[in-house]
Every structure is written in C-alpha cells, then in structure tokens.
C-alpha cells in the first residue's frame, strides 16, 4: 500500500507541475493572430512519461530500505 501511495502522490505532483509549466510556456508563446492548435496524442505521451517517472520514484524506497537493513 505504501508503494501505491508513493506512486499516486508522485504522479499527481508531477502531473500538476507539468500542467503548470506547460500553461506558463503556452502563455508566454501565445500569439493571438496565429490561432490555436490542439494537443493531440502528445498529451498521452506526456502522461505515459509522468507515469514512468512516478513508478521509478515509488521504487526508490525499496532500494534504500535494502541498503539500510543488512542480513546478519
């Protein structure tokens, strides 16, 4: 359950950071005369990337815990 909570927490945090940074970038690059374009499948790729990073972040405590507790 701890791994799941770490995964979900890091996923939500990374997703909000991505949304905030992309919003800032889009606001800075906005040109009202050019019109707009949809995000398309790039949104799915970003979500897959965020989920991958979240998965590896949830795996970090296992590695650290393995180093802390040594078998005697």
Protein backbone atom coordinates (compact mmCIF):
# COMPACT_ATOMS: atom_id res chain seq x y z
CA UNK A 1 0.00 0.00 0.00
CA UNK A 2 2.92 2.33 0.75
CA UNK A 3 4.30 1.90 -2.79
CA UNK A 4 0.89 2.69 -4.25
CA UNK A 5 0.56 5.88 -2.20
CA UNK A 6 4.05 6.99 -3.21
CA UNK A 7 3.25 6.25 -6.85
CA UNK A 8 -0.07 8.12 -6.82
CA UNK A 9 1.37 11.05 -4.86
CA UNK A 10 4.34 11.48 -7.17
CA UNK A 11 2.12 11.00 -10.25
CA UNK A 12 -0.27 13.74 -9.12
CA UNK A 13 2.57 16.08 -8.17
CA UNK A 14 4.40 15.58 -11.48
CA UNK A 15 1.17 15.99 -13.43
CA UNK A 16 0.38 19.31 -11.71
CA UNK A 17 3.94 20.54 -12.29
CA UNK A 18 3.65 19.59 -15.96
CA UNK A 19 0.30 21.37 -16.30
CA UNK A 20 1.63 24.49 -14.61
CA UNK A 21 4.83 24.63 -16.69
CA UNK A 22 3.02 23.96 -19.97
CA UNK A 23 0.48 26.64 -19.11
CA UNK A 24 3.26 29.14 -18.42
CA UNK A 25 5.05 28.20 -21.64
CA UNK A 26 1.89 28.43 -23.73
CA UNK A 27 1.02 31.78 -22.18
CA UNK A 28 4.46 33.16 -22.98
CA UNK A 29 4.33 31.95 -26.57
CA UNK A 30 0.73 32.99 -27.27
CA UNK A 31 0.26 34.94 -30.47
CA UNK A 32 -3.37 35.98 -30.92
CA UNK A 33 -3.12 36.24 -34.72
CA UNK A 34 -1.97 32.67 -35.41
CA UNK A 35 -4.96 30.80 -33.94
CA UNK A 36 -4.72 27.66 -31.83
CA UNK A 37 -3.77 24.05 -32.33
CA UNK A 38 -4.89 21.00 -30.33
CA UNK A 39 -2.55 18.97 -28.18
CA UNK A 40 -3.45 15.67 -29.90
CA UNK A 41 -1.64 12.47 -28.96
CA UNK A 42 1.23 14.34 -27.30
CA UNK A 43 -0.88 14.53 -24.11
CA UNK A 44 -0.93 10.72 -23.94
CA UNK A 45 2.83 10.55 -24.35
CA UNK A 46 3.32 13.04 -21.54
CA UNK A 47 1.03 11.03 -19.26
CA UNK A 48 2.96 7.86 -20.03
CA UNK A 49 6.22 9.67 -19.24
CA UNK A 50 4.85 11.01 -15.96
CA UNK A 51 3.57 7.55 -15.00
CA UNK A 52 7.01 6.06 -15.76
CA UNK A 53 8.82 8.61 -13.59
CA UNK A 54 6.27 8.06 -10.81
CA UNK A 55 6.79 4.31 -10.99
CA UNK A 56 10.55 4.63 -10.59
CA UNK A 57 10.11 7.13 -7.76
CA UNK A 58 7.86 4.65 -5.97
CA UNK A 59 10.59 2.02 -6.32
CA UNK A 60 13.27 4.17 -4.63
CA UNK A 61 12.32 3.41 -1.00
CA UNK A 62 12.80 -0.33 -1.67
CA UNK A 63 16.39 0.17 -2.76
CA UNK A 64 17.17 2.45 0.17
CA UNK A 65 15.48 0.07 2.59
CA UNK A 66 17.54 -2.81 1.22
CA UNK A 67 20.74 -0.93 1.96
CA UNK A 68 19.67 0.09 5.45
CA UNK A 69 18.72 -3.37 6.70
CA UNK A 70 21.52 -5.86 6.19
CA UNK A 71 21.14 -9.53 6.93
CA UNK A 72 23.40 -10.73 9.74
